[in-house]
N, C-alpha and C. Protein backbone atom coordinates (compact mmCIF):
# COMPACT_ATOMS: atom_id res chain seq x y z
N MET A 1 94.01 46.87 100.01
CA MET A 1 92.89 47.36 99.65
C MET A 1 93.05 48.51 101.04
N ARG A 2 93.04 47.64 102.46
CA ARG A 2 93.13 47.97 103.47
C ARG A 2 93.90 49.07 103.69
N THR A 3 95.67 48.81 103.42
CA THR A 3 95.92 50.38 103.16
C THR A 3 95.93 51.50 102.14
N ILE A 4 94.82 51.15 100.91
CA ILE A 4 94.55 52.45 100.36
C ILE A 4 93.35 53.30 101.14
N ILE A 5 91.85 52.05 102.19
CA ILE A 5 91.11 52.63 102.64
C ILE A 5 92.11 53.72 103.84
N PHE A 6 92.60 52.87 104.74
CA PHE A 6 93.91 53.49 105.81
C PHE A 6 94.59 54.94 105.36
N LEU A 7 94.99 54.62 104.26
CA LEU A 7 95.79 56.43 103.67
C LEU A 7 94.63 57.23 103.68
N LEU A 8 93.42 56.59 102.86
CA LEU A 8 92.32 57.62 102.07
C LEU A 8 91.93 58.20 103.65
N ILE A 9 91.82 57.53 104.87
CA ILE A 9 90.91 58.10 106.46
C ILE A 9 91.81 58.45 106.80
N MET A 10 93.35 58.49 106.84
CA MET A 10 94.58 59.35 107.14
C MET A 10 94.31 60.66 106.32
N CYS A 11 94.53 60.92 105.21
CA CYS A 11 94.24 61.96 104.33
C CYS A 11 93.19 63.17 104.51
N ILE A 12 91.70 62.41 104.65
CA ILE A 12 90.61 63.01 104.66
C ILE A 12 90.91 63.56 106.54
N SER A 13 91.52 62.89 107.41
CA SER A 13 91.77 62.95 108.71
C SER A 13 92.16 64.58 108.70
N GLY A 14 93.78 64.87 108.16
CA GLY A 14 94.36 65.43 108.17
C GLY A 14 93.85 66.79 107.65
N LEU A 15 93.38 66.40 106.13
CA LEU A 15 92.41 67.86 105.79
C LEU A 15 91.34 68.76 107.04
N SER A 16 90.71 67.28 107.42
CA SER A 16 90.14 68.02 108.76
C SER A 16 90.57 68.80 109.68
N SER A 17 91.61 68.24 110.36
CA SER A 17 92.70 68.93 111.09
C SER A 17 93.27 70.02 110.53
N ALA A 18 93.31 70.45 108.99
CA ALA A 18 94.45 71.76 108.52
C ALA A 18 93.11 72.26 108.75
N GLN A 19 92.20 72.12 108.30
CA GLN A 19 90.89 73.40 108.46
C GLN A 19 90.76 73.75 109.86
N ILE A 20 90.66 72.73 110.73
CA ILE A 20 89.97 73.37 112.08
C ILE A 20 91.11 74.29 112.46
N ASN A 21 92.31 73.70 112.46
CA ASN A 21 93.82 74.86 112.92
C ASN A 21 93.00 76.17 112.08
N MET A 22 92.80 76.27 110.57
CA MET A 22 93.10 77.51 110.39
C MET A 22 91.55 78.14 111.20
N GLU A 23 90.32 77.59 110.90
CA GLU A 23 89.68 78.29 111.65
C GLU A 23 89.84 78.82 113.25
N ARG A 24 90.31 77.63 113.99
CA ARG A 24 91.05 78.67 115.24
C ARG A 24 91.69 79.82 115.21
N ILE A 25 92.95 79.62 114.14
CA ILE A 25 93.69 80.84 113.84
C ILE A 25 93.20 81.90 113.44
N GLN A 26 91.79 81.72 112.68
CA GLN A 26 90.91 82.90 112.21
C GLN A 26 90.20 84.01 113.31
N LYS A 27 89.86 82.35 114.10
CA LYS A 27 89.09 83.03 115.49
C LYS A 27 89.71 83.71 116.20
N ASP A 28 91.27 83.39 116.09
CA ASP A 28 91.84 84.24 117.12
C ASP A 28 91.97 85.98 116.97
N ILE A 29 92.68 85.52 115.22
CA ILE A 29 92.86 86.99 114.92
C ILE A 29 91.60 87.75 114.97
N ASN A 30 90.11 87.32 114.52
CA ASN A 30 88.95 88.05 115.12
C ASN A 30 89.16 88.54 116.11
N GLN A 31 89.01 87.48 117.26
CA GLN A 31 88.82 88.58 118.21
C GLN A 31 90.52 89.32 119.22
N SER A 32 91.56 89.15 118.72
CA SER A 32 93.00 89.74 119.33
C SER A 32 92.79 90.97 118.08
N VAL A 33 92.48 91.23 116.89
CA VAL A 33 92.86 92.14 116.25
C VAL A 33 91.81 92.62 115.64
N TRP A 34 90.10 92.23 114.60
CA TRP A 34 89.20 92.87 113.87
C TRP A 34 88.25 93.59 115.58
N LYS A 35 87.72 92.77 116.34
CA LYS A 35 87.14 93.17 117.50
C LYS A 35 88.17 94.29 118.26
N GLU A 36 89.31 94.50 118.33
CA GLU A 36 89.62 95.17 118.54
C GLU A 36 89.86 96.65 118.28
N PHE A 37 90.05 96.28 116.91
CA PHE A 37 90.06 97.34 116.38
C PHE A 37 88.99 98.04 115.83
N LYS A 38 87.56 97.30 115.97
CA LYS A 38 86.23 98.36 115.51
C LYS A 38 86.08 98.67 117.05
N SER A 39 86.37 97.84 118.33
CA SER A 39 86.13 99.06 119.67
C SER A 39 86.86 99.80 119.61
N ALA A 40 87.88 99.77 119.15
CA ALA A 40 89.08 101.41 119.56
C ALA A 40 89.11 102.36 118.87
N PHE A 41 87.98 101.75 117.54
CA PHE A 41 87.79 102.58 116.77
C PHE A 41 86.44 103.59 116.84
N GLU A 42 85.65 102.57 117.47
CA GLU A 42 84.33 103.25 117.93
C GLU A 42 84.63 104.49 119.47
N ARG A 43 85.63 103.24 119.67
CA ARG A 43 85.70 104.68 121.16
C ARG A 43 86.77 105.91 120.84
N ILE A 44 87.04 105.68 119.80
CA ILE A 44 88.24 106.82 119.57
C ILE A 44 89.31 107.10 120.61
N ASP A 45 89.99 105.67 120.52
CA ASP A 45 90.70 105.58 121.52
C ASP A 45 92.18 105.04 120.55
N ALA A 46 93.10 105.97 119.92
CA ALA A 46 93.81 106.18 118.82
C ALA A 46 95.01 105.26 119.47
N ILE A 47 95.14 105.08 121.15
CA ILE A 47 96.30 104.57 121.46
C ILE A 47 95.51 102.98 121.35
N ALA A 48 94.88 102.55 121.55
CA ALA A 48 94.52 100.96 121.37
C ALA A 48 94.69 100.48 119.94
N LEU A 49 94.32 101.51 118.90
CA LEU A 49 94.11 101.43 117.47
C LEU A 49 95.37 101.00 116.96
N ASN A 50 96.42 102.31 117.66
CA ASN A 50 97.94 101.82 117.13
C ASN A 50 98.95 100.80 117.49
N ASN A 51 97.92 100.33 118.82
CA ASN A 51 98.81 98.91 119.41
C ASN A 51 98.64 97.93 118.33
N LEU A 52 97.19 98.39 117.91
CA LEU A 52 97.69 96.79 116.74
C LEU A 52 98.26 96.70 115.64
N TYR A 53 98.99 97.81 115.36
CA TYR A 53 100.37 97.58 114.57
C TYR A 53 101.72 97.29 114.83
N ALA A 54 102.13 96.74 113.74
CA ALA A 54 103.76 96.77 114.02
C ALA A 54 104.66 97.97 114.10
N ASP A 55 105.52 97.63 114.64
CA ASP A 55 106.25 98.43 115.08
C ASP A 55 106.88 99.25 113.94
N GLN A 56 107.17 98.71 112.30
CA GLN A 56 107.34 98.98 111.44
C GLN A 56 106.12 99.15 111.22
N THR A 57 105.27 98.97 110.20
CA THR A 57 104.10 99.12 109.00
C THR A 57 103.98 99.90 107.39
N LEU A 58 103.63 99.24 106.56
CA LEU A 58 103.65 99.74 105.69
C LEU A 58 102.37 100.68 105.21
N ARG A 59 102.18 101.60 105.70
CA ARG A 59 100.29 102.11 105.27
C ARG A 59 100.44 102.80 103.79
N VAL A 60 99.79 102.48 102.81
CA VAL A 60 99.08 102.82 101.55
C VAL A 60 97.77 103.40 101.41
N THR A 61 97.48 104.70 101.31
CA THR A 61 96.64 105.14 100.81
C THR A 61 96.34 105.61 99.34
N PRO A 62 95.62 106.56 98.85
CA PRO A 62 96.03 107.31 97.58
C PRO A 62 96.87 108.55 98.23
N ASN A 63 96.74 108.65 99.34
CA ASN A 63 97.43 110.10 99.46
C ASN A 63 99.28 109.48 99.45
N GLY A 64 99.96 108.34 99.26
CA GLY A 64 100.65 107.86 99.22
C GLY A 64 101.15 106.60 100.35
N ILE A 65 102.51 106.41 100.30
CA ILE A 65 103.16 105.58 101.12
C ILE A 65 103.86 106.28 101.92
N ASP A 66 103.47 105.47 103.53
CA ASP A 66 103.65 105.41 104.73
C ASP A 66 104.66 104.71 105.72
N THR A 67 106.33 105.36 105.31
CA THR A 67 107.11 103.67 106.00
C THR A 67 107.80 104.24 107.43
N GLU A 68 107.30 105.50 108.02
CA GLU A 68 107.79 105.85 108.77
C GLU A 68 106.45 106.12 109.91
N ASN A 69 105.63 105.35 109.49
CA ASN A 69 104.43 105.51 111.09
C ASN A 69 103.79 106.69 111.27
N SER A 70 104.23 107.23 110.17
CA SER A 70 103.18 109.02 110.14
C SER A 70 101.59 108.61 110.54
N PHE A 71 100.79 107.23 109.96
CA PHE A 71 100.06 107.22 110.39
C PHE A 71 99.43 107.66 111.47
N LYS A 72 100.31 107.06 112.58
CA LYS A 72 99.84 106.49 113.81
C LYS A 72 99.87 107.82 114.57
N THR A 73 101.02 108.61 114.27
CA THR A 73 100.84 110.61 115.17
C THR A 73 99.41 111.05 114.18
N ALA A 74 99.04 110.64 112.84
CA ALA A 74 97.75 111.33 112.61
C ALA A 74 96.61 110.50 112.98
N ASN A 75 96.57 109.54 113.16
CA ASN A 75 95.46 108.58 114.45
C ASN A 75 95.32 109.87 115.44
N VAL A 76 96.13 109.39 115.84
CA VAL A 76 96.30 110.37 117.45
C VAL A 76 95.70 111.98 117.08
N GLU A 77 95.89 112.26 116.16
CA GLU A 77 95.77 113.63 116.16
C GLU A 77 94.45 113.81 116.02
N ARG A 78 93.95 113.21 114.89
CA ARG A 78 92.28 113.13 114.07
C ARG A 78 91.43 112.30 115.53
N PHE A 79 92.08 111.61 115.97
CA PHE A 79 91.06 111.37 117.03
C PHE A 79 90.58 112.14 118.01
N GLN A 80 91.62 112.74 118.54
CA GLN A 80 91.54 113.97 119.71
C GLN A 80 90.37 115.10 119.21
N MET A 81 91.10 115.28 117.60
CA MET A 81 89.73 116.30 117.08
C MET A 81 87.97 115.75 117.80
N LEU A 82 88.08 114.74 117.15
CA LEU A 82 86.83 113.70 117.07
C LEU A 82 86.42 113.88 118.65
N LYS A 83 87.29 114.01 119.48
CA LYS A 83 86.51 113.73 121.15
C LYS A 83 86.21 115.43 120.80
N GLU A 84 87.28 116.19 120.80
CA GLU A 84 87.10 117.81 121.10
C GLU A 84 84.89 117.76 120.82
N LYS A 85 85.22 117.44 119.38
CA LYS A 85 83.69 117.61 118.82
C LYS A 85 82.76 116.82 119.55
N ALA A 86 82.87 115.68 120.80
CA ALA A 86 82.14 115.11 120.47
C ALA A 86 81.49 113.80 119.87
N ALA A 87 82.20 113.30 119.23
CA ALA A 87 82.06 112.64 117.91
C ALA A 87 81.78 111.29 118.32
N ILE A 88 80.50 110.85 117.62
CA ILE A 88 80.08 109.73 117.92
C ILE A 88 80.19 108.79 116.51
N VAL A 89 81.63 107.88 116.51
CA VAL A 89 81.57 107.15 115.16
C VAL A 89 81.53 105.38 114.80
N LYS A 90 81.05 104.89 114.35
CA LYS A 90 80.61 103.39 113.96
C LYS A 90 81.07 103.42 112.57
N LEU A 91 82.14 101.69 113.25
CA LEU A 91 82.53 101.31 111.84
C LEU A 91 82.06 99.66 111.70
N ASP A 92 81.80 99.60 110.70
CA ASP A 92 81.59 98.08 109.66
C ASP A 92 82.11 98.09 109.18
N PHE A 93 82.14 96.55 109.09
CA PHE A 93 83.36 96.10 107.98
C PHE A 93 83.35 94.34 107.75
N TRP A 94 83.32 94.13 106.31
CA TRP A 94 83.22 92.88 105.79
C TRP A 94 84.67 92.37 105.23
N PHE A 95 84.44 91.05 105.33
CA PHE A 95 85.95 90.58 104.85
C PHE A 95 85.30 89.75 103.18
N GLU A 96 85.90 89.81 102.12
CA GLU A 96 85.75 89.58 100.81
C GLU A 96 86.67 88.29 100.59
N SER A 97 88.05 88.24 100.83
CA SER A 97 88.57 86.97 101.04
C SER A 97 89.82 87.05 102.26
N ARG A 98 90.02 86.34 102.68
CA ARG A 98 91.07 86.21 103.31
C ARG A 98 91.63 84.69 103.44
N HIS A 99 93.01 85.00 103.41
CA HIS A 99 94.22 83.94 103.33
C HIS A 99 95.03 83.49 104.05
N THR A 100 94.70 82.34 105.30
CA THR A 100 95.66 83.03 106.62
C THR A 100 96.73 80.85 106.78
N ASN A 101 97.84 81.54 106.80
CA ASN A 101 98.76 80.12 107.44
C ASN A 101 98.77 80.24 108.80
N LEU A 102 99.69 79.99 109.10
CA LEU A 102 100.19 79.86 110.82
C LEU A 102 100.31 81.47 111.40
N ASN A 103 101.05 81.76 110.44
CA ASN A 103 102.08 83.17 111.11
C ASN A 103 101.16 84.68 109.98
N THR A 104 101.07 84.18 109.14
CA THR A 104 100.53 85.12 107.94
C THR A 104 99.56 85.03 107.75
N SER A 105 98.19 86.29 107.48
CA SER A 105 97.37 86.71 106.95
C SER A 105 97.06 88.16 106.17
N TYR A 106 96.51 87.40 104.53
CA TYR A 106 96.21 88.42 103.96
C TYR A 106 94.69 89.02 103.57
N GLU A 107 94.33 89.53 104.33
CA GLU A 107 92.76 89.79 104.04
C GLU A 107 91.79 90.97 103.77
N VAL A 108 91.78 90.72 102.62
CA VAL A 108 90.88 91.73 101.84
C VAL A 108 89.12 91.69 102.02
N GLY A 109 89.04 93.62 102.48
CA GLY A 109 87.93 94.08 102.77
C GLY A 109 86.51 95.04 102.49
N TYR A 110 85.65 95.36 102.92
CA TYR A 110 84.79 96.91 102.47
C TYR A 110 84.74 97.32 104.18
N TYR A 111 84.80 98.46 103.36
CA TYR A 111 84.74 99.07 105.55
C TYR A 111 83.59 100.36 105.18
N LYS A 112 82.82 100.73 105.98
CA LYS A 112 81.65 101.56 106.53
C LYS A 112 82.30 102.93 107.46
N ILE A 113 82.51 103.60 107.71
CA ILE A 113 82.75 104.38 109.09
C ILE A 113 81.66 105.24 108.76
N ALA A 114 80.91 105.67 109.78
CA ALA A 114 79.55 106.58 109.78
C ALA A 114 80.01 107.54 111.26
N THR A 115 80.20 108.53 110.96
CA THR A 115 80.35 109.89 111.83
C THR A 115 80.03 110.93 112.44
N LYS A 116 79.22 111.27 113.56
CA LYS A 116 78.31 111.96 113.76
C LYS A 116 78.87 112.83 114.64
N ILE A 117 78.45 114.08 114.20
CA ILE A 117 78.70 115.02 115.07
C ILE A 117 78.04 116.37 115.08
N ASP A 118 77.51 116.87 116.43
CA ASP A 118 76.20 117.82 116.56
C ASP A 118 75.08 116.52 115.92
N ASP A 119 74.75 117.19 114.73
CA ASP A 119 73.29 115.92 114.36
C ASP A 119 73.22 116.03 113.09
N GLU A 120 75.04 116.03 112.61
CA GLU A 120 75.20 115.92 111.32
C GLU A 120 76.16 114.43 110.94
N THR A 121 75.38 113.46 110.16
CA THR A 121 76.04 112.44 109.63
C THR A 121 76.88 111.87 108.66
N SER A 122 78.64 111.97 108.75
CA SER A 122 79.00 111.67 107.22
C SER A 122 79.29 110.29 107.09
N ILE A 123 79.23 109.96 105.97
CA ILE A 123 79.54 108.08 105.72
C ILE A 123 80.64 107.98 104.91
N HIS A 124 81.71 107.39 105.12
CA HIS A 124 82.20 107.26 104.47
C HIS A 124 82.71 105.56 103.74
N TYR A 125 82.98 105.34 102.62
CA TYR A 125 82.79 103.74 102.40
C TYR A 125 84.86 103.88 101.79
N GLY A 126 84.60 102.19 102.29
CA GLY A 126 86.30 101.76 101.36
C GLY A 126 86.57 100.31 101.07
N GLN A 127 87.71 99.96 100.41
CA GLN A 127 88.34 98.73 100.57
C GLN A 127 89.25 98.86 101.44
N PHE A 128 89.99 98.37 101.92
CA PHE A 128 90.93 97.14 102.79
C PHE A 128 91.66 96.13 102.21
N HIS A 129 93.18 96.60 102.15
CA HIS A 129 93.84 95.30 102.08
C HIS A 129 95.14 95.38 103.23
N ILE A 130 94.67 94.33 104.19
CA ILE A 130 95.56 94.16 105.41
C ILE A 130 96.58 92.72 105.37
N VAL A 131 97.64 93.08 105.51
CA VAL A 131 98.09 91.69 105.86
C VAL A 131 98.76 92.00 107.39
N LEU A 132 98.21 90.96 108.27
CA LEU A 132 98.47 90.25 109.66
C LEU A 132 100.23 89.62 109.48
N LYS A 133 100.79 89.57 110.90
CA LYS A 133 102.06 88.56 111.15
C LYS A 133 101.85 88.83 112.98
N LYS A 134 102.39 87.16 112.68
CA LYS A 134 102.16 87.20 114.31
C LYS A 134 103.60 87.32 114.54
N ILE A 135 103.93 88.06 115.43
CA ILE A 135 105.25 88.60 115.96
C ILE A 135 105.37 88.73 117.79
N SER A 136 105.83 87.73 118.09
CA SER A 136 105.83 87.56 119.90
C SER A 136 104.56 86.97 120.20
N ASN A 137 104.15 86.00 119.29
CA ASN A 137 103.14 85.28 119.40
C ASN A 137 102.09 86.28 119.96
N THR A 138 102.15 87.36 119.02
CA THR A 138 100.70 88.31 118.93
C THR A 138 100.65 88.82 117.20
N TRP A 139 99.62 88.34 117.05
CA TRP A 139 98.90 88.71 115.77
C TRP A 139 99.37 90.87 115.74
N LYS A 140 99.91 91.07 114.32
CA LYS A 140 99.91 92.48 114.51
C LYS A 140 99.83 92.67 113.11
N ILE A 141 98.98 93.95 112.74
CA ILE A 141 99.28 94.53 111.54
C ILE A 141 100.26 94.87 110.98
N VAL A 142 100.92 94.55 109.57
CA VAL A 142 102.53 94.47 109.24
C VAL A 142 102.19 95.79 107.68
N GLN A 143 100.63 95.56 107.38
CA GLN A 143 100.64 96.17 105.99
C GLN A 143 99.11 96.43 106.09
N ASP A 144 98.60 97.38 105.45
CA ASP A 144 97.54 98.41 105.69
C ASP A 144 97.38 99.07 104.29
N TRP A 145 96.47 98.92 103.34
CA TRP A 145 96.30 99.29 102.25
C TRP A 145 94.92 100.24 102.59
N ASP A 146 94.15 101.05 101.77
CA ASP A 146 92.67 101.15 101.91
C ASP A 146 92.76 102.06 100.69
N THR A 147 91.99 102.37 99.99
CA THR A 147 90.97 103.13 98.99
C THR A 147 89.86 103.25 98.99
N THR A 148 89.26 104.48 98.54
CA THR A 148 87.50 104.93 98.47
C THR A 148 87.26 104.97 97.00
N ILE A 149 88.39 104.58 96.13
CA ILE A 149 87.79 104.57 94.81
C ILE A 149 88.56 103.11 94.12
N ILE A 150 87.10 102.32 93.39
CA ILE A 150 88.41 101.13 92.64
C ILE A 150 87.49 101.42 91.10
N ASN A 151 88.94 101.07 90.02
CA ASN A 151 88.73 101.39 88.70
C ASN A 151 88.20 102.35 88.54
N GLY A 152 88.15 103.94 88.95
CA GLY A 152 87.94 105.06 88.54
C GLY A 152 86.81 105.27 89.33
N GLN A 153 85.78 104.27 90.21
CA GLN A 153 84.87 104.85 90.65
C GLN A 153 84.98 104.94 92.19
N LYS A 154 83.91 105.62 92.71
CA LYS A 154 84.01 105.79 94.24
C LYS A 154 83.14 104.84 94.76
N ILE A 155 83.60 104.13 95.73
CA ILE A 155 83.51 103.27 96.56
C ILE A 155 81.96 103.53 97.32
N GLY A 156 80.81 102.74 97.47
CA GLY A 156 79.47 103.91 98.34
C GLY A 156 78.87 102.50 98.60
N GLU A 157 77.61 103.23 99.31
CA GLU A 157 76.70 102.01 99.98
C GLU A 157 76.55 100.54 98.67
N LYS A 158 76.27 101.20 97.40
CA LYS A 158 76.13 99.76 96.94
C LYS A 158 76.83 98.90 96.72
N GLU A 159 78.43 98.85 97.16
CA GLU A 159 79.59 97.63 97.06
C GLU A 159 79.46 97.13 98.23
N PHE A 160 79.25 98.46 99.53
CA PHE A 160 79.43 97.85 100.87
C PHE A 160 78.35 96.88 100.82
N GLU A 161 77.01 96.99 100.37
CA GLU A 161 75.76 96.27 101.19
C GLU A 161 75.66 95.13 100.20
N ARG A 162 76.71 94.75 99.04
CA ARG A 162 76.79 93.45 98.68
C ARG A 162 77.26 92.28 99.21
N MET A 163 77.45 93.03 100.21
CA MET A 163 78.26 91.51 101.18
C MET A 163 77.63 89.87 101.58
N GLY A 164 76.54 90.19 101.10
CA GLY A 164 75.74 88.93 101.46
C GLY A 164 76.42 88.09 102.37
N GLU A 165 76.71 86.81 102.10
CA GLU A 165 76.87 86.00 102.83
C GLU A 165 78.40 86.09 104.17
N ASN A 166 79.30 87.40 103.50
CA ASN A 166 80.24 87.42 104.42
C ASN A 166 79.78 88.01 105.61
N GLN A 167 81.25 88.11 106.52
CA GLN A 167 81.55 88.42 107.59
C GLN A 167 81.16 89.96 108.00
N LEU A 168 79.76 90.06 108.76
CA LEU A 168 80.24 91.84 108.93
C LEU A 168 80.57 92.07 110.31
N TYR A 169 80.98 93.33 110.94
CA TYR A 169 81.84 92.85 112.16
C TYR A 169 81.40 94.45 112.97
């Protein structure tokens, strides 16, 4: 009987330890990737944003598949144009699901980008699927997929606002 109780206690503490470890990893990802991603986006800093991506990244959008990192050049050009127009950018996003182990994380969520130029604000909504890998002890985005349409329906405020208890950045 003591052996069974001992094994049960060991299993429970092992599960608790694994949960704490995953929470620590997720907090690390939040700080090193997502906090920096939001900050770089809102500062309109393409270099900082691009640095969050791995050297080789698979980027997929409704426009196609980019395996040559052309999106990084497009980020620089787009952000330069936004700076020239004195734009103000606000990025909000939340996670629908996150699956993480010691060196890989698969994260799905929704985003809202509000861009104000002069007195006009445009708002864009979408869904993202991101794969992160720990490379040389640093979390990097290795796959980035996003879309503004799901099942033929444009993603809008209603889909974004359904976040409920999910984490908003």
